[in-house]
């Protein structure tokens, strides 16, 4: 029973980390561009966990390696 609870807790924590997206933000005024690029990246790349990086200039998807 302990192993099942531990495995479940670790799975939830891991899923939370998979959805993280790295954002480089040089200036607070660029936050609107980054928000728009993040939305676009999520749609184009295929959802959370598939975006590698988002900046005010664009985004990159994770490779399928």
C-alpha atoms as a PDB file:
ATOM      1  CA  UNK A   1       0.000   0.000   0.000  1.00  0.00           C
ATOM      2  CA  UNK A   2       2.839   2.410   0.833  1.00  0.00           C
ATOM      3  CA  UNK A   3       4.461   1.734  -2.539  1.00  0.00           C
ATOM      4  CA  UNK A   4       1.238   2.523  -4.383  1.00  0.00           C
ATOM      5  CA  UNK A   5       0.821   5.846  -2.588  1.00  0.00           C
ATOM      6  CA  UNK A   6       4.498   6.711  -3.096  1.00  0.00           C
ATOM      7  CA  UNK A   7       4.335   5.828  -6.790  1.00  0.00           C
ATOM      8  CA  UNK A   8       1.192   7.940  -7.215  1.00  0.00           C
ATOM      9  CA  UNK A   9       2.746  10.944  -5.503  1.00  0.00           C
ATOM     10  CA  UNK A  10       5.906  10.673  -7.593  1.00  0.00           C
ATOM     11  CA  UNK A  11       3.848  10.368 -10.783  1.00  0.00           C
ATOM     12  CA  UNK A  12       1.916  13.534 -10.000  1.00  0.00           C
ATOM     13  CA  UNK A  13       5.161  15.422  -9.260  1.00  0.00           C
ATOM     14  CA  UNK A  14       6.753  14.198 -12.495  1.00  0.00           C
ATOM     15  CA  UNK A  15       3.739  15.188 -14.589  1.00  0.00           C
ATOM     16  CA  UNK A  16       3.925  18.667 -13.090  1.00  0.00           C
ATOM     17  CA  UNK A  17       7.525  19.013 -14.228  1.00  0.00           C
ATOM     18  CA  UNK A  18       6.829  17.734 -17.740  1.00  0.00           C
ATOM     19  CA  UNK A  19       4.556  20.665 -18.448  1.00  0.00           C
ATOM     20  CA  UNK A  20       7.181  23.290 -17.626  1.00  0.00           C
ATOM     21  CA  UNK A  21       8.195  25.689 -20.371  1.00  0.00           C
ATOM     22  CA  UNK A  22      11.441  27.644 -20.303  1.00  0.00           C
ATOM     23  CA  UNK A  23      10.868  31.369 -20.922  1.00  0.00           C
ATOM     24  CA  UNK A  24      13.586  33.958 -21.563  1.00  0.00           C
ATOM     25  CA  UNK A  25      12.254  37.384 -20.779  1.00  0.00           C
ATOM     26  CA  UNK A  26      14.659  40.286 -21.135  1.00  0.00           C
ATOM     27  CA  UNK A  27      12.188  43.081 -20.382  1.00  0.00           C
ATOM     28  CA  UNK A  28       8.823  43.181 -18.610  1.00  0.00           C
ATOM     29  CA  UNK A  29       7.346  45.118 -21.546  1.00  0.00           C
ATOM     30  CA  UNK A  30       7.838  42.011 -23.711  1.00  0.00           C
ATOM     31  CA  UNK A  31       5.507  39.918 -21.539  1.00  0.00           C
ATOM     32  CA  UNK A  32       2.586  40.319 -23.970  1.00  0.00           C
ATOM     33  CA  UNK A  33       4.674  39.007 -26.881  1.00  0.00           C
ATOM     34  CA  UNK A  34       5.873  36.101 -24.761  1.00  0.00           C
ATOM     35  CA  UNK A  35       2.305  35.260 -23.718  1.00  0.00           C
ATOM     36  CA  UNK A  36       1.168  35.262 -27.368  1.00  0.00           C
ATOM     37  CA  UNK A  37       4.179  33.193 -28.429  1.00  0.00           C
ATOM     38  CA  UNK A  38       3.511  30.723 -25.603  1.00  0.00           C
ATOM     39  CA  UNK A  39      -0.089  30.216 -26.736  1.00  0.00           C
ATOM     40  CA  UNK A  40       1.050  29.770 -30.340  1.00  0.00           C
ATOM     41  CA  UNK A  41       3.845  27.383 -29.347  1.00  0.00           C
ATOM     42  CA  UNK A  42       1.465  25.189 -27.351  1.00  0.00           C
ATOM     43  CA  UNK A  43      -0.890  24.937 -30.338  1.00  0.00           C
ATOM     44  CA  UNK A  44       1.802  24.357 -32.967  1.00  0.00           C
ATOM     45  CA  UNK A  45       4.114  22.076 -30.970  1.00  0.00           C
ATOM     46  CA  UNK A  46       1.317  19.855 -29.681  1.00  0.00           C
ATOM     47  CA  UNK A  47       0.631  20.919 -26.108  1.00  0.00           C
ATOM     48  CA  UNK A  48       2.409  21.106 -22.739  1.00  0.00           C
ATOM     49  CA  UNK A  49       5.699  19.250 -22.570  1.00  0.00           C
ATOM     50  CA  UNK A  50       6.461  19.729 -26.272  1.00  0.00           C
ATOM     51  CA  UNK A  51       7.772  23.310 -26.152  1.00  0.00           C
ATOM     52  CA  UNK A  52      11.497  23.754 -25.569  1.00  0.00           C
ATOM     53  CA  UNK A  53      11.827  27.541 -25.312  1.00  0.00           C
ATOM     54  CA  UNK A  54       9.717  30.684 -25.699  1.00  0.00           C
ATOM     55  CA  UNK A  55      11.115  34.207 -26.196  1.00  0.00           C
ATOM     56  CA  UNK A  56       9.682  37.545 -27.274  1.00  0.00           C
ATOM     57  CA  UNK A  57      10.915  36.752 -30.803  1.00  0.00           C
ATOM     58  CA  UNK A  58       9.427  33.253 -31.145  1.00  0.00           C
ATOM     59  CA  UNK A  59       9.581  29.704 -29.832  1.00  0.00           C
ATOM     60  CA  UNK A  60      11.161  26.310 -30.438  1.00  0.00           C
ATOM     61  CA  UNK A  61       9.554  22.895 -30.133  1.00  0.00           C
ATOM     62  CA  UNK A  62      11.300  19.939 -28.513  1.00  0.00           C
ATOM     63  CA  UNK A  63      12.806  17.513 -31.005  1.00  0.00           C
ATOM     64  CA  UNK A  64      11.441  13.999 -31.320  1.00  0.00           C
ATOM     65  CA  UNK A  65      14.827  12.401 -30.554  1.00  0.00           C
END
